[in-house]
N, C-alpha and C. Protein backbone atom coordinates (compact mmCIF):
# COMPACT_ATOMS: atom_id res chain seq x y z
N UNK A 1 83.05 30.29 -60.75
CA UNK A 1 83.79 29.15 -61.29
C UNK A 1 84.56 29.57 -62.54
N UNK A 2 85.77 29.02 -62.73
CA UNK A 2 86.52 29.33 -63.95
C UNK A 2 85.82 28.74 -65.17
N UNK A 3 85.95 29.40 -66.28
CA UNK A 3 85.33 28.93 -67.52
C UNK A 3 86.06 29.57 -68.69
N UNK A 4 85.87 28.99 -69.87
CA UNK A 4 86.36 29.63 -71.09
C UNK A 4 85.62 29.06 -72.30
N UNK A 5 85.51 29.86 -73.33
CA UNK A 5 84.94 29.42 -74.60
C UNK A 5 85.90 28.42 -75.21
N UNK A 6 85.39 27.27 -75.64
CA UNK A 6 86.28 26.16 -75.97
C UNK A 6 85.83 25.40 -77.22
N UNK A 7 86.65 24.41 -77.55
CA UNK A 7 86.35 23.42 -78.57
C UNK A 7 86.01 24.08 -79.91
N UNK A 8 84.93 23.66 -80.55
CA UNK A 8 84.63 24.20 -81.88
C UNK A 8 84.19 25.66 -81.82
N UNK A 9 83.63 26.08 -80.69
CA UNK A 9 83.26 27.49 -80.55
C UNK A 9 84.52 28.36 -80.53
N UNK A 10 85.56 27.89 -79.84
CA UNK A 10 86.82 28.62 -79.84
C UNK A 10 87.45 28.59 -81.23
N UNK A 11 87.43 27.42 -81.86
CA UNK A 11 88.00 27.30 -83.21
C UNK A 11 87.32 28.26 -84.17
N UNK A 12 86.03 28.44 -84.00
CA UNK A 12 85.29 29.35 -84.88
C UNK A 12 85.80 30.77 -84.76
N UNK A 13 86.23 31.19 -83.57
CA UNK A 13 86.75 32.54 -83.40
C UNK A 13 88.08 32.72 -84.14
N UNK A 14 88.75 31.60 -84.44
CA UNK A 14 90.00 31.65 -85.21
C UNK A 14 89.76 31.30 -86.68
N UNK A 15 88.49 31.35 -87.09
CA UNK A 15 88.09 31.03 -88.48
C UNK A 15 88.53 29.62 -88.86
N UNK A 16 88.40 28.70 -87.92
CA UNK A 16 88.85 27.33 -88.15
C UNK A 16 87.75 26.32 -87.91
N UNK A 17 86.50 26.69 -88.12
CA UNK A 17 85.39 25.75 -87.96
C UNK A 17 84.81 25.46 -89.34
N UNK A 18 85.13 24.28 -89.92
CA UNK A 18 84.64 23.96 -91.26
C UNK A 18 83.12 23.95 -91.36
N UNK A 19 82.45 23.63 -90.24
CA UNK A 19 81.00 23.60 -90.22
C UNK A 19 80.49 24.62 -89.22
N UNK A 20 79.32 25.16 -89.47
CA UNK A 20 78.74 26.13 -88.55
C UNK A 20 78.50 25.46 -87.20
N UNK A 21 78.89 26.15 -86.14
CA UNK A 21 78.71 25.62 -84.79
C UNK A 21 77.34 26.03 -84.28
N UNK A 22 76.50 25.05 -83.99
CA UNK A 22 75.13 25.33 -83.59
C UNK A 22 74.99 25.55 -82.09
N UNK A 23 75.94 25.04 -81.32
CA UNK A 23 75.88 25.12 -79.86
C UNK A 23 77.16 25.75 -79.35
N UNK A 24 77.04 26.71 -78.46
CA UNK A 24 78.21 27.32 -77.85
C UNK A 24 78.80 26.36 -76.83
N UNK A 25 80.07 26.06 -76.96
CA UNK A 25 80.73 25.07 -76.12
C UNK A 25 81.65 25.76 -75.12
N UNK A 26 81.43 25.47 -73.85
CA UNK A 26 82.17 26.12 -72.75
C UNK A 26 82.73 25.05 -71.84
N UNK A 27 83.97 25.22 -71.42
CA UNK A 27 84.59 24.32 -70.45
C UNK A 27 84.64 25.00 -69.09
N UNK A 28 84.23 24.27 -68.06
CA UNK A 28 84.25 24.77 -66.69
C UNK A 28 84.66 23.63 -65.76
N UNK A 29 84.56 23.85 -64.45
CA UNK A 29 85.08 22.85 -63.51
C UNK A 29 84.00 22.06 -62.77
N UNK A 30 82.74 22.33 -63.03
CA UNK A 30 81.67 21.58 -62.39
C UNK A 30 80.61 21.21 -63.42
N UNK A 31 79.94 20.07 -63.23
CA UNK A 31 78.89 19.69 -64.18
C UNK A 31 77.74 20.71 -64.17
N UNK A 32 77.30 21.08 -65.36
CA UNK A 32 76.16 21.99 -65.50
C UNK A 32 75.28 21.51 -66.64
N UNK A 33 73.99 21.73 -66.48
CA UNK A 33 73.07 21.37 -67.56
C UNK A 33 73.19 22.36 -68.70
N UNK A 34 72.88 21.86 -69.89
CA UNK A 34 72.83 22.75 -71.06
C UNK A 34 71.76 23.81 -70.83
N UNK A 35 72.04 25.04 -71.21
CA UNK A 35 71.08 26.13 -71.03
C UNK A 35 70.82 26.82 -72.36
N UNK A 36 69.70 27.49 -72.44
CA UNK A 36 69.34 28.28 -73.61
C UNK A 36 69.09 29.71 -73.20
N UNK A 37 69.69 30.62 -73.94
CA UNK A 37 69.47 32.05 -73.74
C UNK A 37 68.99 32.63 -75.05
N UNK A 38 67.66 32.71 -75.20
CA UNK A 38 67.12 33.11 -76.49
C UNK A 38 67.42 32.04 -77.52
N UNK A 39 68.10 32.43 -78.59
CA UNK A 39 68.44 31.48 -79.64
C UNK A 39 69.80 30.82 -79.40
N UNK A 40 70.46 31.18 -78.34
CA UNK A 40 71.80 30.64 -78.04
C UNK A 40 71.69 29.47 -77.07
N UNK A 41 72.26 28.33 -77.47
CA UNK A 41 72.34 27.17 -76.59
C UNK A 41 73.78 27.01 -76.13
N UNK A 42 73.97 26.77 -74.84
CA UNK A 42 75.31 26.64 -74.26
C UNK A 42 75.45 25.25 -73.66
N UNK A 43 76.45 24.54 -74.11
CA UNK A 43 76.73 23.21 -73.58
C UNK A 43 78.04 23.26 -72.80
N UNK A 44 78.03 22.69 -71.60
CA UNK A 44 79.19 22.74 -70.72
C UNK A 44 79.94 21.41 -70.72
N UNK A 45 81.25 21.51 -70.71
CA UNK A 45 82.14 20.35 -70.61
C UNK A 45 82.97 20.53 -69.35
N UNK A 46 83.20 19.45 -68.63
CA UNK A 46 83.88 19.54 -67.34
C UNK A 46 85.35 19.18 -67.47
N UNK A 47 86.18 19.97 -66.85
CA UNK A 47 87.62 19.70 -66.80
C UNK A 47 88.14 20.06 -65.42
N UNK A 48 89.01 19.22 -64.89
CA UNK A 48 89.64 19.52 -63.61
C UNK A 48 90.66 20.64 -63.80
N UNK A 49 90.55 21.67 -63.02
CA UNK A 49 91.45 22.84 -63.04
C UNK A 49 91.51 23.53 -64.41
N UNK A 50 90.38 23.95 -64.96
CA UNK A 50 90.39 24.63 -66.25
C UNK A 50 91.13 25.97 -66.23
N UNK A 51 91.34 26.51 -65.03
CA UNK A 51 92.05 27.79 -64.94
C UNK A 51 93.50 27.67 -65.40
N UNK A 52 94.01 26.45 -65.51
CA UNK A 52 95.38 26.26 -65.97
C UNK A 52 95.49 26.35 -67.49
N UNK A 53 94.39 26.20 -68.19
CA UNK A 53 94.41 26.21 -69.65
C UNK A 53 94.74 27.60 -70.17
N UNK A 54 95.70 27.74 -71.09
CA UNK A 54 96.02 29.05 -71.66
C UNK A 54 94.83 29.62 -72.43
N UNK A 55 94.51 30.87 -72.14
CA UNK A 55 93.38 31.54 -72.79
C UNK A 55 93.80 32.91 -73.29
N UNK A 56 92.98 33.46 -74.16
CA UNK A 56 93.13 34.83 -74.63
C UNK A 56 91.83 35.56 -74.32
N UNK A 57 91.92 36.85 -74.17
CA UNK A 57 90.74 37.65 -73.89
C UNK A 57 90.72 38.82 -74.87
N UNK A 58 90.20 38.58 -76.06
CA UNK A 58 90.23 39.63 -77.08
C UNK A 58 89.40 40.84 -76.67
N UNK A 59 89.84 42.00 -77.12
CA UNK A 59 89.10 43.22 -76.84
C UNK A 59 87.83 43.25 -77.69
N UNK A 60 86.70 43.38 -77.04
CA UNK A 60 85.42 43.45 -77.73
C UNK A 60 84.57 44.54 -77.09
N UNK A 61 83.60 45.06 -77.85
CA UNK A 61 82.72 46.07 -77.26
C UNK A 61 81.70 45.46 -76.30
N UNK A 62 81.71 44.14 -76.19
CA UNK A 62 80.75 43.46 -75.33
C UNK A 62 81.47 42.98 -74.07
N UNK A 63 80.79 42.19 -73.29
CA UNK A 63 81.40 41.66 -72.07
C UNK A 63 82.64 40.83 -72.43
N UNK A 64 83.74 40.99 -71.69
CA UNK A 64 84.95 40.22 -72.01
C UNK A 64 84.71 38.73 -71.81
N UNK A 65 85.35 37.93 -72.65
CA UNK A 65 85.20 36.48 -72.54
C UNK A 65 86.57 35.84 -72.76
N UNK A 66 86.85 34.80 -72.01
CA UNK A 66 88.10 34.07 -72.16
C UNK A 66 87.92 32.98 -73.21
N UNK A 67 88.88 32.89 -74.11
CA UNK A 67 88.84 31.91 -75.20
C UNK A 67 90.14 31.12 -75.17
N UNK A 68 90.06 29.82 -75.24
CA UNK A 68 91.28 29.01 -75.25
C UNK A 68 92.14 29.37 -76.46
N UNK A 69 93.46 29.37 -76.27
CA UNK A 69 94.37 29.66 -77.37
C UNK A 69 94.22 28.59 -78.45
N UNK A 70 94.69 28.84 -79.67
CA UNK A 70 94.57 27.82 -80.72
C UNK A 70 95.16 26.48 -80.31
N UNK A 71 96.31 26.52 -79.64
CA UNK A 71 96.99 25.28 -79.26
C UNK A 71 96.21 24.54 -78.17
N UNK A 72 95.71 25.29 -77.18
CA UNK A 72 94.90 24.67 -76.12
C UNK A 72 93.57 24.17 -76.69
N UNK A 73 93.03 24.90 -77.65
CA UNK A 73 91.79 24.47 -78.31
C UNK A 73 91.99 23.12 -78.98
N UNK A 74 93.12 22.94 -79.66
CA UNK A 74 93.40 21.67 -80.34
C UNK A 74 93.48 20.52 -79.35
N UNK A 75 94.15 20.74 -78.22
CA UNK A 75 94.24 19.69 -77.21
C UNK A 75 92.86 19.34 -76.64
N UNK A 76 92.04 20.35 -76.41
CA UNK A 76 90.68 20.08 -75.92
C UNK A 76 89.86 19.33 -76.96
N UNK A 77 90.00 19.70 -78.23
CA UNK A 77 89.28 19.01 -79.29
C UNK A 77 89.61 17.51 -79.28
N UNK A 78 90.88 17.19 -79.12
CA UNK A 78 91.30 15.78 -79.08
C UNK A 78 90.76 15.12 -77.82
N UNK A 79 90.84 15.81 -76.69
CA UNK A 79 90.41 15.24 -75.41
C UNK A 79 88.92 14.92 -75.42
N UNK A 80 88.12 15.76 -76.01
CA UNK A 80 86.66 15.57 -75.98
C UNK A 80 86.12 15.12 -77.34
N UNK A 81 86.96 14.51 -78.16
CA UNK A 81 86.56 14.15 -79.52
C UNK A 81 85.29 13.32 -79.57
N UNK A 82 85.15 12.37 -78.65
CA UNK A 82 83.99 11.48 -78.70
C UNK A 82 82.68 12.22 -78.47
N UNK A 83 82.73 13.42 -77.90
CA UNK A 83 81.50 14.17 -77.60
C UNK A 83 81.22 15.28 -78.61
N UNK A 84 82.11 15.44 -79.59
CA UNK A 84 81.91 16.53 -80.55
C UNK A 84 81.96 16.06 -82.00
N UNK A 85 81.72 14.76 -82.19
CA UNK A 85 81.63 14.28 -83.57
C UNK A 85 82.74 13.35 -84.01
N UNK A 86 83.66 13.01 -83.11
CA UNK A 86 84.69 12.04 -83.45
C UNK A 86 85.99 12.66 -83.94
N UNK A 87 87.02 11.82 -84.06
CA UNK A 87 88.35 12.29 -84.41
C UNK A 87 88.43 12.83 -85.83
N UNK A 88 87.60 12.33 -86.73
CA UNK A 88 87.64 12.84 -88.11
C UNK A 88 87.21 14.31 -88.15
N UNK A 89 86.23 14.67 -87.33
CA UNK A 89 85.82 16.07 -87.28
C UNK A 89 86.89 16.92 -86.60
N UNK A 90 87.55 16.35 -85.59
CA UNK A 90 88.66 17.07 -84.95
C UNK A 90 89.75 17.36 -85.98
N UNK A 91 90.10 16.37 -86.79
CA UNK A 91 91.15 16.57 -87.78
C UNK A 91 90.75 17.62 -88.81
N UNK A 92 89.49 17.63 -89.17
CA UNK A 92 88.99 18.63 -90.12
C UNK A 92 89.15 20.04 -89.55
N UNK A 93 88.83 20.20 -88.27
CA UNK A 93 88.98 21.50 -87.62
C UNK A 93 90.45 21.86 -87.45
N UNK A 94 91.26 20.88 -87.06
CA UNK A 94 92.69 21.11 -86.84
C UNK A 94 93.37 21.59 -88.11
N UNK A 95 92.95 21.09 -89.24
CA UNK A 95 93.54 21.48 -90.53
C UNK A 95 93.50 22.99 -90.72
N UNK A 96 92.40 23.61 -90.31
CA UNK A 96 92.27 25.06 -90.46
C UNK A 96 92.89 25.82 -89.29
N UNK A 97 93.07 25.12 -88.16
CA UNK A 97 93.58 25.77 -86.95
C UNK A 97 95.10 25.82 -86.91
N UNK A 98 95.77 24.89 -87.60
CA UNK A 98 97.23 24.79 -87.52
C UNK A 98 97.97 26.07 -87.89
N UNK A 99 97.54 26.84 -88.90
CA UNK A 99 98.29 28.05 -89.23
C UNK A 99 98.38 29.06 -88.08
N UNK A 100 97.49 28.95 -87.10
CA UNK A 100 97.52 29.88 -85.96
C UNK A 100 98.44 29.40 -84.84
N UNK A 101 99.01 28.20 -84.97
CA UNK A 101 99.87 27.65 -83.92
C UNK A 101 101.19 28.42 -83.82
N UNK A 102 101.67 28.57 -82.60
CA UNK A 102 102.99 29.13 -82.33
C UNK A 102 103.72 28.17 -81.37
N UNK A 103 104.99 27.96 -81.61
CA UNK A 103 105.74 26.97 -80.83
C UNK A 103 105.71 27.25 -79.33
N UNK A 104 106.02 28.48 -78.87
CA UNK A 104 105.99 28.71 -77.41
C UNK A 104 104.61 28.45 -76.81
N UNK A 105 103.55 28.84 -77.56
CA UNK A 105 102.19 28.63 -77.06
C UNK A 105 101.84 27.16 -77.03
N UNK A 106 102.35 26.38 -77.98
CA UNK A 106 102.10 24.94 -77.99
C UNK A 106 102.75 24.29 -76.77
N UNK A 107 103.97 24.70 -76.45
CA UNK A 107 104.65 24.16 -75.27
C UNK A 107 103.87 24.49 -73.99
N UNK A 108 103.37 25.73 -73.90
CA UNK A 108 102.60 26.12 -72.70
C UNK A 108 101.33 25.30 -72.59
N UNK A 109 100.66 25.08 -73.72
CA UNK A 109 99.41 24.31 -73.71
C UNK A 109 99.67 22.86 -73.31
N UNK A 110 100.74 22.28 -73.81
CA UNK A 110 101.09 20.91 -73.44
C UNK A 110 101.38 20.81 -71.96
N UNK A 111 102.13 21.77 -71.42
CA UNK A 111 102.43 21.76 -69.99
C UNK A 111 101.16 21.88 -69.16
N UNK A 112 100.24 22.73 -69.60
CA UNK A 112 99.00 22.94 -68.85
C UNK A 112 98.10 21.71 -68.89
N UNK A 113 98.00 21.07 -70.05
CA UNK A 113 97.16 19.87 -70.17
C UNK A 113 97.79 18.70 -69.43
N UNK A 114 99.04 18.44 -69.71
CA UNK A 114 99.79 17.45 -68.95
C UNK A 114 99.35 16.01 -69.11
N UNK A 115 98.68 15.68 -70.20
CA UNK A 115 98.22 14.30 -70.41
C UNK A 115 98.90 13.73 -71.65
N UNK A 116 99.88 12.84 -71.47
CA UNK A 116 100.63 12.34 -72.62
C UNK A 116 99.78 11.74 -73.73
N UNK A 117 98.75 10.98 -73.37
CA UNK A 117 97.94 10.32 -74.41
C UNK A 117 97.23 11.33 -75.31
N UNK A 118 96.77 12.44 -74.72
CA UNK A 118 96.14 13.48 -75.53
C UNK A 118 97.18 14.10 -76.44
N UNK A 119 98.38 14.33 -75.91
CA UNK A 119 99.46 14.90 -76.72
C UNK A 119 99.85 13.95 -77.85
N UNK A 120 99.90 12.64 -77.57
CA UNK A 120 100.21 11.66 -78.61
C UNK A 120 99.23 11.76 -79.77
N UNK A 121 97.95 11.80 -79.42
CA UNK A 121 96.93 11.86 -80.47
C UNK A 121 97.04 13.15 -81.28
N UNK A 122 97.25 14.27 -80.57
CA UNK A 122 97.39 15.53 -81.28
C UNK A 122 98.62 15.52 -82.18
N UNK A 123 99.74 15.01 -81.65
CA UNK A 123 100.95 14.95 -82.46
C UNK A 123 100.76 14.12 -83.72
N UNK A 124 100.05 13.01 -83.58
CA UNK A 124 99.77 12.17 -84.75
C UNK A 124 98.95 12.94 -85.78
N UNK A 125 97.90 13.62 -85.33
CA UNK A 125 97.05 14.36 -86.25
C UNK A 125 97.82 15.50 -86.92
N UNK A 126 98.64 16.20 -86.14
CA UNK A 126 99.45 17.29 -86.71
C UNK A 126 100.36 16.74 -87.80
N UNK A 127 100.99 15.61 -87.51
CA UNK A 127 101.89 15.00 -88.50
C UNK A 127 101.13 14.60 -89.76
N UNK A 128 99.92 14.08 -89.58
CA UNK A 128 99.10 13.70 -90.74
C UNK A 128 98.74 14.90 -91.60
N UNK A 129 98.68 16.07 -91.00
CA UNK A 129 98.34 17.30 -91.73
C UNK A 129 99.58 18.02 -92.27
N UNK A 130 100.73 17.36 -92.21
CA UNK A 130 101.94 17.94 -92.77
C UNK A 130 102.65 18.91 -91.84
N UNK A 131 102.33 18.87 -90.57
CA UNK A 131 102.96 19.78 -89.62
C UNK A 131 104.09 19.13 -88.86
N UNK A 132 105.05 18.54 -89.57
CA UNK A 132 106.12 17.78 -88.93
C UNK A 132 106.89 18.59 -87.88
N UNK A 133 107.24 19.86 -88.12
CA UNK A 133 107.98 20.61 -87.09
C UNK A 133 107.18 20.75 -85.80
N UNK A 134 105.88 20.99 -85.90
CA UNK A 134 105.05 21.09 -84.70
C UNK A 134 104.88 19.72 -84.04
N UNK A 135 104.74 18.68 -84.85
CA UNK A 135 104.64 17.33 -84.29
C UNK A 135 105.91 16.97 -83.53
N UNK A 136 107.05 17.46 -84.01
CA UNK A 136 108.31 17.19 -83.32
C UNK A 136 108.35 17.88 -81.96
N UNK A 137 107.74 19.05 -81.85
CA UNK A 137 107.63 19.72 -80.55
C UNK A 137 106.86 18.85 -79.58
N UNK A 138 105.76 18.26 -80.06
CA UNK A 138 104.97 17.36 -79.22
C UNK A 138 105.81 16.15 -78.83
N UNK A 139 106.51 15.60 -79.80
CA UNK A 139 107.35 14.42 -79.54
C UNK A 139 108.37 14.70 -78.44
N UNK A 140 109.01 15.84 -78.50
CA UNK A 140 110.03 16.18 -77.50
C UNK A 140 109.42 16.40 -76.12
N UNK A 141 108.15 16.81 -76.09
CA UNK A 141 107.50 17.06 -74.80
C UNK A 141 107.16 15.76 -74.09
N UNK A 142 106.91 14.71 -74.83
CA UNK A 142 106.44 13.45 -74.26
C UNK A 142 107.51 12.78 -73.40
N UNK A 143 107.08 11.95 -72.44
CA UNK A 143 108.05 11.16 -71.67
C UNK A 143 108.88 10.27 -72.59
N UNK A 144 110.05 9.87 -72.14
CA UNK A 144 110.93 9.06 -72.98
C UNK A 144 110.37 7.68 -73.26
N UNK A 145 109.55 7.17 -72.33
CA UNK A 145 108.96 5.84 -72.52
C UNK A 145 107.44 5.95 -72.45
N UNK A 146 106.80 5.67 -73.55
CA UNK A 146 105.34 5.71 -73.61
C UNK A 146 104.84 4.52 -74.41
N UNK A 147 103.59 4.19 -74.21
CA UNK A 147 102.94 3.11 -74.97
C UNK A 147 102.08 3.71 -76.07
N UNK A 148 101.81 2.93 -77.08
CA UNK A 148 100.86 3.37 -78.09
C UNK A 148 99.47 3.47 -77.51
N UNK A 149 98.66 4.36 -78.04
CA UNK A 149 97.28 4.51 -77.59
C UNK A 149 96.36 4.52 -78.80
N UNK A 150 95.14 4.03 -78.66
CA UNK A 150 94.20 4.10 -79.79
C UNK A 150 93.95 5.54 -80.17
N UNK A 151 93.87 5.80 -81.46
CA UNK A 151 93.61 7.17 -81.91
C UNK A 151 92.28 7.66 -81.36
N UNK A 152 91.30 6.78 -81.31
CA UNK A 152 90.01 7.11 -80.70
C UNK A 152 89.80 6.19 -79.51
N UNK A 153 89.74 6.72 -78.29
CA UNK A 153 89.63 5.87 -77.08
C UNK A 153 88.45 4.93 -77.10
N UNK A 154 87.37 5.28 -77.80
CA UNK A 154 86.17 4.44 -77.78
C UNK A 154 86.29 3.24 -78.72
N UNK A 155 87.35 3.22 -79.54
CA UNK A 155 87.49 2.12 -80.50
C UNK A 155 88.07 0.88 -79.84
N UNK A 156 88.01 -0.22 -80.54
CA UNK A 156 88.60 -1.47 -80.05
C UNK A 156 90.12 -1.37 -80.08
N UNK A 157 90.81 -2.19 -79.28
CA UNK A 157 92.26 -2.08 -79.19
C UNK A 157 93.01 -2.19 -80.51
N UNK A 158 92.50 -2.92 -81.48
CA UNK A 158 93.25 -3.11 -82.72
C UNK A 158 93.03 -1.99 -83.72
N UNK A 159 92.64 -0.83 -83.26
CA UNK A 159 92.48 0.30 -84.16
C UNK A 159 93.83 0.97 -84.40
N UNK A 160 93.84 1.95 -85.30
CA UNK A 160 95.04 2.73 -85.56
C UNK A 160 95.44 3.45 -84.27
N UNK A 161 96.72 3.52 -83.99
CA UNK A 161 97.16 4.16 -82.76
C UNK A 161 98.07 5.33 -83.05
N UNK A 162 98.14 6.23 -82.06
CA UNK A 162 99.04 7.38 -82.16
C UNK A 162 100.23 7.09 -81.27
N UNK A 163 101.35 6.73 -81.87
CA UNK A 163 102.51 6.27 -81.10
C UNK A 163 103.71 7.15 -81.46
N UNK A 164 104.16 7.97 -80.49
CA UNK A 164 105.22 8.92 -80.78
C UNK A 164 106.54 8.56 -80.11
N UNK A 165 106.64 7.43 -79.45
CA UNK A 165 107.84 7.13 -78.67
C UNK A 165 109.09 7.05 -79.53
N UNK A 166 108.98 6.54 -80.74
CA UNK A 166 110.14 6.39 -81.61
C UNK A 166 110.11 7.37 -82.76
N UNK A 167 109.16 8.29 -82.75
CA UNK A 167 109.04 9.22 -83.86
C UNK A 167 108.26 8.64 -85.02
N UNK A 168 107.72 7.44 -84.87
CA UNK A 168 106.92 6.83 -85.93
C UNK A 168 105.46 7.06 -85.60
N UNK A 169 104.83 7.97 -86.29
CA UNK A 169 103.45 8.35 -85.99
C UNK A 169 102.50 7.37 -86.64
N UNK A 170 101.56 6.86 -85.83
CA UNK A 170 100.57 5.94 -86.39
C UNK A 170 101.02 4.49 -86.35
N UNK A 171 102.00 4.15 -85.52
CA UNK A 171 102.41 2.76 -85.38
C UNK A 171 101.24 1.92 -84.90
N UNK A 172 101.07 0.72 -85.48
CA UNK A 172 99.97 -0.16 -85.07
C UNK A 172 100.40 -0.95 -83.86
N UNK A 173 99.68 -0.78 -82.76
CA UNK A 173 100.05 -1.45 -81.52
C UNK A 173 98.79 -1.74 -80.72
N UNK A 174 98.67 -2.92 -80.17
CA UNK A 174 97.51 -3.27 -79.38
C UNK A 174 97.59 -2.64 -78.00
N UNK A 175 96.52 -1.98 -77.58
CA UNK A 175 96.47 -1.39 -76.25
C UNK A 175 95.20 -1.86 -75.58
N UNK A 176 95.32 -2.51 -74.44
CA UNK A 176 94.16 -3.01 -73.71
C UNK A 176 94.12 -2.34 -72.35
N UNK A 177 92.99 -1.75 -72.01
CA UNK A 177 92.85 -1.09 -70.72
C UNK A 177 92.34 -2.09 -69.69
N UNK A 178 93.07 -2.23 -68.61
CA UNK A 178 92.64 -3.12 -67.54
C UNK A 178 91.46 -2.53 -66.79
N UNK A 179 90.53 -3.36 -66.28
CA UNK A 179 89.39 -2.85 -65.53
C UNK A 179 89.84 -2.19 -64.22
N UNK A 180 89.08 -1.20 -63.78
CA UNK A 180 89.40 -0.52 -62.54
C UNK A 180 89.04 -1.38 -61.34
N UNK A 181 89.82 -1.24 -60.29
CA UNK A 181 89.51 -1.89 -59.02
C UNK A 181 89.18 -0.81 -57.99
N UNK A 182 88.61 -1.24 -56.87
CA UNK A 182 88.31 -0.28 -55.80
C UNK A 182 89.59 0.38 -55.29
N UNK A 183 90.68 -0.39 -55.25
CA UNK A 183 91.96 0.16 -54.81
C UNK A 183 92.45 1.26 -55.76
N UNK A 184 92.20 1.07 -57.06
CA UNK A 184 92.57 2.10 -58.03
C UNK A 184 91.84 3.41 -57.74
N UNK A 185 90.54 3.29 -57.47
CA UNK A 185 89.72 4.48 -57.21
C UNK A 185 90.17 5.18 -55.94
N UNK A 186 90.40 4.40 -54.89
CA UNK A 186 90.83 4.99 -53.62
C UNK A 186 92.19 5.66 -53.74
N UNK A 187 93.08 5.09 -54.52
CA UNK A 187 94.41 5.68 -54.70
C UNK A 187 94.33 6.97 -55.49
N UNK A 188 93.33 7.08 -56.37
CA UNK A 188 93.18 8.27 -57.22
C UNK A 188 92.48 9.41 -56.49
N UNK A 189 91.67 9.06 -55.47
CA UNK A 189 90.80 10.04 -54.81
C UNK A 189 91.55 11.24 -54.22
N UNK A 190 92.73 11.07 -53.58
CA UNK A 190 93.38 12.23 -52.95
C UNK A 190 93.87 13.29 -53.93
N UNK A 191 94.00 12.96 -55.23
CA UNK A 191 94.58 13.93 -56.16
C UNK A 191 93.53 14.62 -57.04
N UNK A 192 92.25 14.35 -56.78
CA UNK A 192 91.19 15.01 -57.55
C UNK A 192 90.21 15.69 -56.59
N UNK A 193 89.46 16.70 -57.08
CA UNK A 193 88.60 17.47 -56.18
C UNK A 193 87.20 16.91 -56.00
N UNK A 194 86.89 15.78 -56.62
CA UNK A 194 85.51 15.32 -56.62
C UNK A 194 85.11 14.71 -55.28
N UNK A 195 83.89 14.99 -54.78
CA UNK A 195 83.47 14.50 -53.47
C UNK A 195 83.02 13.05 -53.45
N UNK A 196 82.49 12.55 -54.56
CA UNK A 196 81.95 11.19 -54.54
C UNK A 196 82.89 10.23 -55.26
N UNK A 197 82.85 8.96 -54.83
CA UNK A 197 83.71 7.96 -55.46
C UNK A 197 83.30 7.70 -56.91
N UNK A 198 82.02 7.89 -57.21
CA UNK A 198 81.57 7.72 -58.60
C UNK A 198 82.25 8.75 -59.51
N UNK A 199 82.34 9.99 -59.03
CA UNK A 199 83.01 11.03 -59.81
C UNK A 199 84.50 10.73 -59.93
N UNK A 200 85.10 10.23 -58.83
CA UNK A 200 86.52 9.87 -58.86
C UNK A 200 86.75 8.76 -59.89
N UNK A 201 85.86 7.77 -59.90
CA UNK A 201 85.99 6.67 -60.85
C UNK A 201 85.90 7.18 -62.28
N UNK A 202 84.94 8.09 -62.55
CA UNK A 202 84.81 8.64 -63.89
C UNK A 202 86.04 9.43 -64.29
N UNK A 203 86.59 10.20 -63.33
CA UNK A 203 87.80 10.96 -63.61
C UNK A 203 88.96 10.04 -63.96
N UNK A 204 89.11 8.94 -63.21
CA UNK A 204 90.19 8.01 -63.45
C UNK A 204 90.01 7.31 -64.81
N UNK A 205 88.79 6.95 -65.13
CA UNK A 205 88.53 6.34 -66.44
C UNK A 205 88.90 7.28 -67.56
N UNK A 206 88.51 8.57 -67.41
CA UNK A 206 88.83 9.56 -68.43
C UNK A 206 90.34 9.73 -68.55
N UNK A 207 91.03 9.77 -67.40
CA UNK A 207 92.49 9.95 -67.41
C UNK A 207 93.15 8.78 -68.15
N UNK A 208 92.67 7.57 -67.89
CA UNK A 208 93.27 6.40 -68.54
C UNK A 208 92.94 6.36 -70.04
N UNK A 209 91.70 6.73 -70.35
CA UNK A 209 91.28 6.71 -71.76
C UNK A 209 91.99 7.76 -72.57
N UNK A 210 92.24 8.93 -71.91
CA UNK A 210 92.87 10.03 -72.61
C UNK A 210 94.39 9.88 -72.66
């Protein structure tokens, strides 16, 4: 199965983890239980088609390992924010990660992720950290017509939103997610690899939330 070192573990390799990372975080394509190897704990996060994510494979004297690029790491941090300590911790990590960003690599990471709402949130955070030129790259990548999204998907609709459609980052806009129907799940099923409708439903919920 495809996999790569991700999230705060990847950020740590770029000297961008403000806090010590206690658990090694890995993204793969199937659900796996957390495992322990001696003193090392590995937690797995699931992503559809992780092989599309841009990675680097630094030369080491040990077994080679794939690590998400700084730009892809930032997108993953935003996507999985609710599972790694919230958006405030993501912003703290992003602050140290931004100097490693490169424009061509950011474009590749955005194309690989392909989720406008995740890009909106990242663009907002980049802008908040004074990275206006990079935030503009995100803005140009987005579709011409988009809606505002809550900065944190788990928050209530009246929270701060990341809205890049007009170039105004952080516009306050109400966003309400409609409940899923069986027809929604069935329509989504042909485009995802999951065998059960429960997994399809979770994938669709994640897609809408992100």
